[in-house]
């Protein structure tokens, strides 16, 4: 997973707020949810 994530993230030129940075954030969130992490607003 670490290597797959590097391959995804490094394709982008990243600074806060730009497409690459935000796509990295969304990929992290996607993988966290797949691992069982619950979005704070929906958590009990």
ModelCIF file with pLDDT and N, C-alpha, C, O atoms, coordinates in Angstrom:
data_MODEL
#
_entry.id   MODEL 
#
_entity.id                         1 
_entity.type                       polymer 
_entity.pdbx_number_of_molecules   1 
#
_entity_poly.entity_id                      1 
_entity_poly.type                           'polypeptide(L)' 
_entity_poly.nstd_linkage                   no 
_entity_poly.nstd_monomer                   no 
_entity_poly.pdbx_seq_one_letter_code       
;(UNK)(UNK)(UNK)(UNK)(UNK)(UNK)(UNK)(UNK)(UNK)(UNK)(UNK)(UNK)(UNK)(UNK)(UNK)(UNK)
(UNK)(UNK)(UNK)(UNK)(UNK)(UNK)(UNK)(UNK)(UNK)(UNK)(UNK)(UNK)(UNK)(UNK)(UNK)(UNK)
(UNK)(UNK)(UNK)(UNK)(UNK)(UNK)(UNK)(UNK)(UNK)(UNK)(UNK)(UNK)
;
_entity_poly.pdbx_seq_one_letter_code_can   XXXXXXXXXXXXXXXXXXXXXXXXXXXXXXXXXXXXXXXXXXXX 
_entity_poly.pdbx_strand_id                 A 
#
loop_
_entity_poly_seq.entity_id 
_entity_poly_seq.num 
_entity_poly_seq.mon_id 
_entity_poly_seq.hetero 
1 1  UNK n 
1 2  UNK n 
1 3  UNK n 
1 4  UNK n 
1 5  UNK n 
1 6  UNK n 
1 7  UNK n 
1 8  UNK n 
1 9  UNK n 
1 10 UNK n 
1 11 UNK n 
1 12 UNK n 
1 13 UNK n 
1 14 UNK n 
1 15 UNK n 
1 16 UNK n 
1 17 UNK n 
1 18 UNK n 
1 19 UNK n 
1 20 UNK n 
1 21 UNK n 
1 22 UNK n 
1 23 UNK n 
1 24 UNK n 
1 25 UNK n 
1 26 UNK n 
1 27 UNK n 
1 28 UNK n 
1 29 UNK n 
1 30 UNK n 
1 31 UNK n 
1 32 UNK n 
1 33 UNK n 
1 34 UNK n 
1 35 UNK n 
1 36 UNK n 
1 37 UNK n 
1 38 UNK n 
1 39 UNK n 
1 40 UNK n 
1 41 UNK n 
1 42 UNK n 
1 43 UNK n 
1 44 UNK n 
#
_struct_asym.id          A 
_struct_asym.entity_id   1 
#
loop_
_ma_qa_metric.id 
_ma_qa_metric.mode 
_ma_qa_metric.name 
_ma_qa_metric.software_group_id 
_ma_qa_metric.type 
1 global pLDDT . pLDDT 
2 local  pLDDT . pLDDT 
#
_ma_qa_metric_global.metric_id      1 
_ma_qa_metric_global.metric_value   97.89 
_ma_qa_metric_global.model_id       1 
_ma_qa_metric_global.ordinal_id     1 
#
loop_
_ma_qa_metric_local.label_asym_id 
_ma_qa_metric_local.label_comp_id 
_ma_qa_metric_local.label_seq_id 
_ma_qa_metric_local.metric_id 
_ma_qa_metric_local.metric_value 
_ma_qa_metric_local.model_id 
_ma_qa_metric_local.ordinal_id 
A UNK 1  2 98.00 1 1  
A UNK 2  2 98.00 1 2  
A UNK 3  2 98.00 1 3  
A UNK 4  2 98.00 1 4  
A UNK 5  2 98.00 1 5  
A UNK 6  2 98.00 1 6  
A UNK 7  2 98.00 1 7  
A UNK 8  2 98.00 1 8  
A UNK 9  2 98.00 1 9  
A UNK 10 2 98.00 1 10 
A UNK 11 2 98.00 1 11 
A UNK 12 2 98.00 1 12 
A UNK 13 2 98.00 1 13 
A UNK 14 2 98.00 1 14 
A UNK 15 2 98.00 1 15 
A UNK 16 2 98.00 1 16 
A UNK 17 2 98.00 1 17 
A UNK 18 2 98.00 1 18 
A UNK 19 2 98.00 1 19 
A UNK 20 2 98.00 1 20 
A UNK 21 2 98.00 1 21 
A UNK 22 2 98.00 1 22 
A UNK 23 2 98.00 1 23 
A UNK 24 2 98.00 1 24 
A UNK 25 2 98.00 1 25 
A UNK 26 2 98.00 1 26 
A UNK 27 2 98.00 1 27 
A UNK 28 2 98.00 1 28 
A UNK 29 2 98.00 1 29 
A UNK 30 2 98.00 1 30 
A UNK 31 2 98.00 1 31 
A UNK 32 2 98.00 1 32 
A UNK 33 2 98.00 1 33 
A UNK 34 2 98.00 1 34 
A UNK 35 2 98.00 1 35 
A UNK 36 2 98.00 1 36 
A UNK 37 2 98.00 1 37 
A UNK 38 2 98.00 1 38 
A UNK 39 2 98.00 1 39 
A UNK 40 2 97.00 1 40 
A UNK 41 2 96.00 1 41 
A UNK 42 2 98.00 1 42 
A UNK 43 2 97.00 1 43 
A UNK 44 2 97.00 1 44 
#
loop_
_atom_site.group_PDB 
_atom_site.id 
_atom_site.type_symbol 
_atom_site.label_atom_id 
_atom_site.label_alt_id 
_atom_site.label_comp_id 
_atom_site.label_asym_id 
_atom_site.label_entity_id 
_atom_site.label_seq_id 
_atom_site.pdbx_PDB_ins_code 
_atom_site.Cartn_x 
_atom_site.Cartn_y 
_atom_site.Cartn_z 
_atom_site.occupancy 
_atom_site.B_iso_or_equiv 
_atom_site.pdbx_formal_charge 
_atom_site.auth_seq_id 
_atom_site.auth_comp_id 
_atom_site.auth_asym_id 
_atom_site.auth_atom_id 
_atom_site.pdbx_PDB_model_num 
ATOM 1   N N  . UNK A 1 1  ? 0.834   -1.199 0.000   1.00 98.00 ? 1  UNK A N  1 
ATOM 2   C CA . UNK A 1 1  ? 0.000   0.000  0.000   1.00 98.00 ? 1  UNK A CA 1 
ATOM 3   C C  . UNK A 1 1  ? 0.870   1.251  0.000   1.00 98.00 ? 1  UNK A C  1 
ATOM 4   O O  . UNK A 1 1  ? 0.555   2.229  -0.678  1.00 98.00 ? 1  UNK A O  1 
ATOM 5   N N  . UNK A 1 2  ? 1.960   1.223  0.755   1.00 98.00 ? 2  UNK A N  1 
ATOM 6   C CA . UNK A 1 2  ? 2.866   2.375  0.794   1.00 98.00 ? 2  UNK A CA 1 
ATOM 7   C C  . UNK A 1 2  ? 3.379   2.686  -0.604  1.00 98.00 ? 2  UNK A C  1 
ATOM 8   O O  . UNK A 1 2  ? 3.363   3.842  -1.028  1.00 98.00 ? 2  UNK A O  1 
ATOM 9   N N  . UNK A 1 3  ? 3.832   1.664  -1.321  1.00 98.00 ? 3  UNK A N  1 
ATOM 10  C CA . UNK A 1 3  ? 4.400   1.874  -2.650  1.00 98.00 ? 3  UNK A CA 1 
ATOM 11  C C  . UNK A 1 3  ? 3.331   2.317  -3.659  1.00 98.00 ? 3  UNK A C  1 
ATOM 12  O O  . UNK A 1 3  ? 3.567   3.211  -4.472  1.00 98.00 ? 3  UNK A O  1 
ATOM 13  N N  . UNK A 1 4  ? 2.170   1.690  -3.597  1.00 98.00 ? 4  UNK A N  1 
ATOM 14  C CA . UNK A 1 4  ? 1.073   2.083  -4.492  1.00 98.00 ? 4  UNK A CA 1 
ATOM 15  C C  . UNK A 1 4  ? 0.690   3.542  -4.261  1.00 98.00 ? 4  UNK A C  1 
ATOM 16  O O  . UNK A 1 4  ? 0.391   4.272  -5.207  1.00 98.00 ? 4  UNK A O  1 
ATOM 17  N N  . UNK A 1 5  ? 0.700   3.956  -3.007  1.00 98.00 ? 5  UNK A N  1 
ATOM 18  C CA . UNK A 1 5  ? 0.351   5.336  -2.676  1.00 98.00 ? 5  UNK A CA 1 
ATOM 19  C C  . UNK A 1 5  ? 1.406   6.304  -3.207  1.00 98.00 ? 5  UNK A C  1 
ATOM 20  O O  . UNK A 1 5  ? 1.067   7.366  -3.729  1.00 98.00 ? 5  UNK A O  1 
ATOM 21  N N  . UNK A 1 6  ? 2.674   5.943  -3.079  1.00 98.00 ? 6  UNK A N  1 
ATOM 22  C CA . UNK A 1 6  ? 3.742   6.781  -3.633  1.00 98.00 ? 6  UNK A CA 1 
ATOM 23  C C  . UNK A 1 6  ? 3.549   6.948  -5.139  1.00 98.00 ? 6  UNK A C  1 
ATOM 24  O O  . UNK A 1 6  ? 3.666   8.050  -5.675  1.00 98.00 ? 6  UNK A O  1 
ATOM 25  N N  . UNK A 1 7  ? 3.253   5.837  -5.811  1.00 98.00 ? 7  UNK A N  1 
ATOM 26  C CA . UNK A 1 7  ? 3.073   5.887  -7.268  1.00 98.00 ? 7  UNK A CA 1 
ATOM 27  C C  . UNK A 1 7  ? 1.926   6.811  -7.651  1.00 98.00 ? 7  UNK A C  1 
ATOM 28  O O  . UNK A 1 7  ? 2.000   7.504  -8.666  1.00 98.00 ? 7  UNK A O  1 
ATOM 29  N N  . UNK A 1 8  ? 0.870   6.827  -6.852  1.00 98.00 ? 8  UNK A N  1 
ATOM 30  C CA . UNK A 1 8  ? -0.259  7.714  -7.132  1.00 98.00 ? 8  UNK A CA 1 
ATOM 31  C C  . UNK A 1 8  ? 0.099   9.167  -6.836  1.00 98.00 ? 8  UNK A C  1 
ATOM 32  O O  . UNK A 1 8  ? -0.141  10.048 -7.661  1.00 98.00 ? 8  UNK A O  1 
ATOM 33  N N  . UNK A 1 9  ? 0.664   9.414  -5.674  1.00 98.00 ? 9  UNK A N  1 
ATOM 34  C CA . UNK A 1 9  ? 0.904   10.786 -5.217  1.00 98.00 ? 9  UNK A CA 1 
ATOM 35  C C  . UNK A 1 9  ? 1.990   11.474 -6.030  1.00 98.00 ? 9  UNK A C  1 
ATOM 36  O O  . UNK A 1 9  ? 1.861   12.655 -6.354  1.00 98.00 ? 9  UNK A O  1 
ATOM 37  N N  . UNK A 1 10 ? 3.062   10.753 -6.367  1.00 98.00 ? 10 UNK A N  1 
ATOM 38  C CA . UNK A 1 10 ? 4.215   11.415 -6.980  1.00 98.00 ? 10 UNK A CA 1 
ATOM 39  C C  . UNK A 1 10 ? 3.973   11.853 -8.421  1.00 98.00 ? 10 UNK A C  1 
ATOM 40  O O  . UNK A 1 10 ? 4.788   12.575 -8.997  1.00 98.00 ? 10 UNK A O  1 
ATOM 41  N N  . UNK A 1 11 ? 2.864   11.422 -9.002  1.00 98.00 ? 11 UNK A N  1 
ATOM 42  C CA . UNK A 1 11 ? 2.581   11.876 -10.371 1.00 98.00 ? 11 UNK A CA 1 
ATOM 43  C C  . UNK A 1 11 ? 2.168   13.350 -10.414 1.00 98.00 ? 11 UNK A C  1 
ATOM 44  O O  . UNK A 1 11 ? 2.128   13.955 -11.485 1.00 98.00 ? 11 UNK A O  1 
ATOM 45  N N  . UNK A 1 12 ? 1.862   13.924 -9.243  1.00 98.00 ? 12 UNK A N  1 
ATOM 46  C CA . UNK A 1 12 ? 1.382   15.302 -9.170  1.00 98.00 ? 12 UNK A CA 1 
ATOM 47  C C  . UNK A 1 12 ? 2.451   16.246 -8.609  1.00 98.00 ? 12 UNK A C  1 
ATOM 48  O O  . UNK A 1 12 ? 3.265   15.866 -7.767  1.00 98.00 ? 12 UNK A O  1 
ATOM 49  N N  . UNK A 1 13 ? 2.420   17.495 -9.105  1.00 98.00 ? 13 UNK A N  1 
ATOM 50  C CA . UNK A 1 13 ? 3.194   18.588 -8.503  1.00 98.00 ? 13 UNK A CA 1 
ATOM 51  C C  . UNK A 1 13 ? 2.290   19.182 -7.419  1.00 98.00 ? 13 UNK A C  1 
ATOM 52  O O  . UNK A 1 13 ? 1.236   19.735 -7.734  1.00 98.00 ? 13 UNK A O  1 
ATOM 53  N N  . UNK A 1 14 ? 2.694   19.074 -6.129  1.00 98.00 ? 14 UNK A N  1 
ATOM 54  C CA . UNK A 1 14 ? 1.762   19.291 -5.037  1.00 98.00 ? 14 UNK A CA 1 
ATOM 55  C C  . UNK A 1 14 ? 2.135   20.504 -4.170  1.00 98.00 ? 14 UNK A C  1 
ATOM 56  O O  . UNK A 1 14 ? 3.237   20.580 -3.627  1.00 98.00 ? 14 UNK A O  1 
ATOM 57  N N  . UNK A 1 15 ? 1.204   21.437 -4.056  1.00 98.00 ? 15 UNK A N  1 
ATOM 58  C CA . UNK A 1 15 ? 1.229   22.409 -2.970  1.00 98.00 ? 15 UNK A CA 1 
ATOM 59  C C  . UNK A 1 15 ? -0.201  22.508 -2.446  1.00 98.00 ? 15 UNK A C  1 
ATOM 60  O O  . UNK A 1 15 ? -1.150  22.115 -3.126  1.00 98.00 ? 15 UNK A O  1 
ATOM 61  N N  . UNK A 1 16 ? -0.343  23.031 -1.245  1.00 98.00 ? 16 UNK A N  1 
ATOM 62  C CA . UNK A 1 16 ? -1.659  23.058 -0.586  1.00 98.00 ? 16 UNK A CA 1 
ATOM 63  C C  . UNK A 1 16 ? -2.700  23.699 -1.485  1.00 98.00 ? 16 UNK A C  1 
ATOM 64  O O  . UNK A 1 16 ? -2.497  24.784 -2.029  1.00 98.00 ? 16 UNK A O  1 
ATOM 65  N N  . UNK A 1 17 ? -3.818  23.004 -1.626  1.00 98.00 ? 17 UNK A N  1 
ATOM 66  C CA . UNK A 1 17 ? -4.950  23.528 -2.370  1.00 98.00 ? 17 UNK A CA 1 
ATOM 67  C C  . UNK A 1 17 ? -4.997  23.156 -3.829  1.00 98.00 ? 17 UNK A C  1 
ATOM 68  O O  . UNK A 1 17 ? -6.039  23.318 -4.463  1.00 98.00 ? 17 UNK A O  1 
ATOM 69  N N  . UNK A 1 18 ? -3.889  22.654 -4.399  1.00 98.00 ? 18 UNK A N  1 
ATOM 70  C CA . UNK A 1 18 ? -3.946  22.383 -5.837  1.00 98.00 ? 18 UNK A CA 1 
ATOM 71  C C  . UNK A 1 18 ? -4.457  20.967 -6.118  1.00 98.00 ? 18 UNK A C  1 
ATOM 72  O O  . UNK A 1 18 ? -4.703  20.190 -5.196  1.00 98.00 ? 18 UNK A O  1 
ATOM 73  N N  . UNK A 1 19 ? -4.608  20.650 -7.385  1.00 98.00 ? 19 UNK A N  1 
ATOM 74  C CA . UNK A 1 19 ? -5.223  19.393 -7.788  1.00 98.00 ? 19 UNK A CA 1 
ATOM 75  C C  . UNK A 1 19 ? -4.493  18.189 -7.220  1.00 98.00 ? 19 UNK A C  1 
ATOM 76  O O  . UNK A 1 19 ? -5.118  17.277 -6.679  1.00 98.00 ? 19 UNK A O  1 
ATOM 77  N N  . UNK A 1 20 ? -3.170  18.183 -7.341  1.00 98.00 ? 20 UNK A N  1 
ATOM 78  C CA . UNK A 1 20 ? -2.396  17.043 -6.871  1.00 98.00 ? 20 UNK A CA 1 
ATOM 79  C C  . UNK A 1 20 ? -2.479  16.855 -5.373  1.00 98.00 ? 20 UNK A C  1 
ATOM 80  O O  . UNK A 1 20 ? -2.642  15.734 -4.889  1.00 98.00 ? 20 UNK A O  1 
ATOM 81  N N  . UNK A 1 21 ? -2.368  17.952 -4.635  1.00 98.00 ? 21 UNK A N  1 
ATOM 82  C CA . UNK A 1 21 ? -2.455  17.886 -3.169  1.00 98.00 ? 21 UNK A CA 1 
ATOM 83  C C  . UNK A 1 21 ? -3.816  17.343 -2.749  1.00 98.00 ? 21 UNK A C  1 
ATOM 84  O O  . UNK A 1 21 ? -3.902  16.448 -1.909  1.00 98.00 ? 21 UNK A O  1 
ATOM 85  N N  . UNK A 1 22 ? -4.875  17.888 -3.338  1.00 98.00 ? 22 UNK A N  1 
ATOM 86  C CA . UNK A 1 22 ? -6.222  17.478 -2.947  1.00 98.00 ? 22 UNK A CA 1 
ATOM 87  C C  . UNK A 1 22 ? -6.520  16.039 -3.362  1.00 98.00 ? 22 UNK A C  1 
ATOM 88  O O  . UNK A 1 22 ? -7.191  15.311 -2.630  1.00 98.00 ? 22 UNK A O  1 
ATOM 89  N N  . UNK A 1 23 ? -6.028  15.625 -4.525  1.00 98.00 ? 23 UNK A N  1 
ATOM 90  C CA . UNK A 1 23 ? -6.233  14.235 -4.929  1.00 98.00 ? 23 UNK A CA 1 
ATOM 91  C C  . UNK A 1 23 ? -5.527  13.269 -3.990  1.00 98.00 ? 23 UNK A C  1 
ATOM 92  O O  . UNK A 1 23 ? -6.025  12.174 -3.728  1.00 98.00 ? 23 UNK A O  1 
ATOM 93  N N  . UNK A 1 24 ? -4.365  13.674 -3.482  1.00 98.00 ? 24 UNK A N  1 
ATOM 94  C CA . UNK A 1 24 ? -3.679  12.857 -2.480  1.00 98.00 ? 24 UNK A CA 1 
ATOM 95  C C  . UNK A 1 24 ? -4.513  12.735 -1.211  1.00 98.00 ? 24 UNK A C  1 
ATOM 96  O O  . UNK A 1 24 ? -4.614  11.656 -0.626  1.00 98.00 ? 24 UNK A O  1 
ATOM 97  N N  . UNK A 1 25 ? -5.110  13.847 -0.788  1.00 98.00 ? 25 UNK A N  1 
ATOM 98  C CA . UNK A 1 25 ? -5.984  13.823 0.395   1.00 98.00 ? 25 UNK A CA 1 
ATOM 99  C C  . UNK A 1 25 ? -7.154  12.858 0.191   1.00 98.00 ? 25 UNK A C  1 
ATOM 100 O O  . UNK A 1 25 ? -7.469  12.056 1.070   1.00 98.00 ? 25 UNK A O  1 
ATOM 101 N N  . UNK A 1 26 ? -7.785  12.945 -0.963  1.00 98.00 ? 26 UNK A N  1 
ATOM 102 C CA . UNK A 1 26 ? -8.947  12.084 -1.217  1.00 98.00 ? 26 UNK A CA 1 
ATOM 103 C C  . UNK A 1 26 ? -8.535  10.611 -1.307  1.00 98.00 ? 26 UNK A C  1 
ATOM 104 O O  . UNK A 1 26 ? -9.292  9.736  -0.888  1.00 98.00 ? 26 UNK A O  1 
ATOM 105 N N  . UNK A 1 27 ? -7.350  10.327 -1.847  1.00 98.00 ? 27 UNK A N  1 
ATOM 106 C CA . UNK A 1 27 ? -6.878  8.950  -1.890  1.00 98.00 ? 27 UNK A CA 1 
ATOM 107 C C  . UNK A 1 27 ? -6.625  8.417  -0.481  1.00 98.00 ? 27 UNK A C  1 
ATOM 108 O O  . UNK A 1 27 ? -6.962  7.272  -0.178  1.00 98.00 ? 27 UNK A O  1 
ATOM 109 N N  . UNK A 1 28 ? -6.032  9.247  0.380   1.00 98.00 ? 28 UNK A N  1 
ATOM 110 C CA . UNK A 1 28 ? -5.816  8.844  1.776   1.00 98.00 ? 28 UNK A CA 1 
ATOM 111 C C  . UNK A 1 28 ? -7.146  8.525  2.441   1.00 98.00 ? 28 UNK A C  1 
ATOM 112 O O  . UNK A 1 28 ? -7.284  7.492  3.096   1.00 98.00 ? 28 UNK A O  1 
ATOM 113 N N  . UNK A 1 29 ? -8.121  9.405  2.276   1.00 98.00 ? 29 UNK A N  1 
ATOM 114 C CA . UNK A 1 29 ? -9.438  9.197  2.891   1.00 98.00 ? 29 UNK A CA 1 
ATOM 115 C C  . UNK A 1 29 ? -10.089 7.924  2.371   1.00 98.00 ? 29 UNK A C  1 
ATOM 116 O O  . UNK A 1 29 ? -10.701 7.181  3.138   1.00 98.00 ? 29 UNK A O  1 
ATOM 117 N N  . UNK A 1 30 ? -9.962  7.672  1.085   1.00 98.00 ? 30 UNK A N  1 
ATOM 118 C CA . UNK A 1 30 ? -10.542 6.457  0.487   1.00 98.00 ? 30 UNK A CA 1 
ATOM 119 C C  . UNK A 1 30 ? -9.939  5.203  1.112   1.00 98.00 ? 30 UNK A C  1 
ATOM 120 O O  . UNK A 1 30 ? -10.663 4.264  1.442   1.00 98.00 ? 30 UNK A O  1 
ATOM 121 N N  . UNK A 1 31 ? -8.629  5.185  1.274   1.00 98.00 ? 31 UNK A N  1 
ATOM 122 C CA . UNK A 1 31 ? -7.963  4.017  1.843   1.00 98.00 ? 31 UNK A CA 1 
ATOM 123 C C  . UNK A 1 31 ? -8.251  3.871  3.338   1.00 98.00 ? 31 UNK A C  1 
ATOM 124 O O  . UNK A 1 31 ? -8.361  2.756  3.847   1.00 98.00 ? 31 UNK A O  1 
ATOM 125 N N  . UNK A 1 32 ? -8.372  4.992  4.030   1.00 98.00 ? 32 UNK A N  1 
ATOM 126 C CA . UNK A 1 32 ? -8.737  4.920  5.447   1.00 98.00 ? 32 UNK A CA 1 
ATOM 127 C C  . UNK A 1 32 ? -10.132 4.316  5.622   1.00 98.00 ? 32 UNK A C  1 
ATOM 128 O O  . UNK A 1 32 ? -10.344 3.463  6.484   1.00 98.00 ? 32 UNK A O  1 
ATOM 129 N N  . UNK A 1 33 ? -11.066 4.759  4.808   1.00 98.00 ? 33 UNK A N  1 
ATOM 130 C CA . UNK A 1 33 ? -12.425 4.207  4.898   1.00 98.00 ? 33 UNK A CA 1 
ATOM 131 C C  . UNK A 1 33 ? -12.428 2.718  4.587   1.00 98.00 ? 33 UNK A C  1 
ATOM 132 O O  . UNK A 1 33 ? -13.134 1.950  5.241   1.00 98.00 ? 33 UNK A O  1 
ATOM 133 N N  . UNK A 1 34 ? -11.646 2.301  3.593   1.00 98.00 ? 34 UNK A N  1 
ATOM 134 C CA . UNK A 1 34 ? -11.568 0.882  3.247   1.00 98.00 ? 34 UNK A CA 1 
ATOM 135 C C  . UNK A 1 34 ? -10.997 0.063  4.398   1.00 98.00 ? 34 UNK A C  1 
ATOM 136 O O  . UNK A 1 34 ? -11.289 -1.125 4.529   1.00 98.00 ? 34 UNK A O  1 
ATOM 137 N N  . UNK A 1 35 ? -10.168 0.714  5.243   1.00 98.00 ? 35 UNK A N  1 
ATOM 138 C CA . UNK A 1 35 ? -9.572  0.028  6.393   1.00 98.00 ? 35 UNK A CA 1 
ATOM 139 C C  . UNK A 1 35 ? -10.455 0.081  7.633   1.00 98.00 ? 35 UNK A C  1 
ATOM 140 O O  . UNK A 1 35 ? -10.093 -0.469 8.674   1.00 98.00 ? 35 UNK A O  1 
ATOM 141 N N  . UNK A 1 36 ? -11.622 0.744  7.531   1.00 98.00 ? 36 UNK A N  1 
ATOM 142 C CA . UNK A 1 36 ? -12.550 0.768  8.653   1.00 98.00 ? 36 UNK A CA 1 
ATOM 143 C C  . UNK A 1 36 ? -12.620 2.068  9.423   1.00 98.00 ? 36 UNK A C  1 
ATOM 144 O O  . UNK A 1 36 ? -13.313 2.146  10.437  1.00 98.00 ? 36 UNK A O  1 
ATOM 145 N N  . UNK A 1 37 ? -11.910 3.102  8.959   1.00 98.00 ? 37 UNK A N  1 
ATOM 146 C CA . UNK A 1 37 ? -12.002 4.396  9.624   1.00 98.00 ? 37 UNK A CA 1 
ATOM 147 C C  . UNK A 1 37 ? -13.329 5.068  9.233   1.00 98.00 ? 37 UNK A C  1 
ATOM 148 O O  . UNK A 1 37 ? -13.746 5.024  8.076   1.00 98.00 ? 37 UNK A O  1 
ATOM 149 N N  . UNK A 1 38 ? -13.968 5.680  10.214  1.00 98.00 ? 38 UNK A N  1 
ATOM 150 C CA . UNK A 1 38 ? -15.281 6.288  10.011  1.00 98.00 ? 38 UNK A CA 1 
ATOM 151 C C  . UNK A 1 38 ? -15.135 7.806  10.007  1.00 98.00 ? 38 UNK A C  1 
ATOM 152 O O  . UNK A 1 38 ? -14.456 8.378  10.860  1.00 98.00 ? 38 UNK A O  1 
ATOM 153 N N  . UNK A 1 39 ? -15.781 8.449  9.039   1.00 98.00 ? 39 UNK A N  1 
ATOM 154 C CA . UNK A 1 39 ? -15.764 9.909  8.987   1.00 98.00 ? 39 UNK A CA 1 
ATOM 155 C C  . UNK A 1 39 ? -16.308 10.467 10.295  1.00 98.00 ? 39 UNK A C  1 
ATOM 156 O O  . UNK A 1 39 ? -17.352 10.024 10.774  1.00 98.00 ? 39 UNK A O  1 
ATOM 157 N N  . UNK A 1 40 ? -15.614 11.424 10.866  1.00 97.00 ? 40 UNK A N  1 
ATOM 158 C CA . UNK A 1 40 ? -15.928 11.907 12.216  1.00 97.00 ? 40 UNK A CA 1 
ATOM 159 C C  . UNK A 1 40 ? -17.397 12.304 12.364  1.00 97.00 ? 40 UNK A C  1 
ATOM 160 O O  . UNK A 1 40 ? -18.001 12.035 13.402  1.00 97.00 ? 40 UNK A O  1 
ATOM 161 N N  . UNK A 1 41 ? -17.970 12.925 11.367  1.00 96.00 ? 41 UNK A N  1 
ATOM 162 C CA . UNK A 1 41 ? -19.367 13.347 11.459  1.00 96.00 ? 41 UNK A CA 1 
ATOM 163 C C  . UNK A 1 41 ? -20.345 12.189 11.533  1.00 96.00 ? 41 UNK A C  1 
ATOM 164 O O  . UNK A 1 41 ? -21.480 12.361 11.978  1.00 96.00 ? 41 UNK A O  1 
ATOM 165 N N  . UNK A 1 42 ? -19.914 11.011 11.100  1.00 98.00 ? 42 UNK A N  1 
ATOM 166 C CA . UNK A 1 42 ? -20.786 9.832  11.132  1.00 98.00 ? 42 UNK A CA 1 
ATOM 167 C C  . UNK A 1 42 ? -20.440 8.873  12.258  1.00 98.00 ? 42 UNK A C  1 
ATOM 168 O O  . UNK A 1 42 ? -21.102 7.849  12.425  1.00 98.00 ? 42 UNK A O  1 
ATOM 169 N N  . UNK A 1 43 ? -19.414 9.194  13.028  1.00 97.00 ? 43 UNK A N  1 
ATOM 170 C CA . UNK A 1 43 ? -18.914 8.262  14.040  1.00 97.00 ? 43 UNK A CA 1 
ATOM 171 C C  . UNK A 1 43 ? -19.776 8.278  15.297  1.00 97.00 ? 43 UNK A C  1 
ATOM 172 O O  . UNK A 1 43 ? -20.395 9.284  15.642  1.00 97.00 ? 43 UNK A O  1 
ATOM 173 N N  . UNK A 1 44 ? -19.794 7.126  15.971  1.00 97.00 ? 44 UNK A N  1 
ATOM 174 C CA . UNK A 1 44 ? -20.455 6.993  17.270  1.00 97.00 ? 44 UNK A CA 1 
ATOM 175 C C  . UNK A 1 44 ? -19.387 6.828  18.349  1.00 97.00 ? 44 UNK A C  1 
ATOM 176 O O  . UNK A 1 44 ? -19.716 6.699  19.528  1.00 97.00 ? 44 UNK A O  1 
#
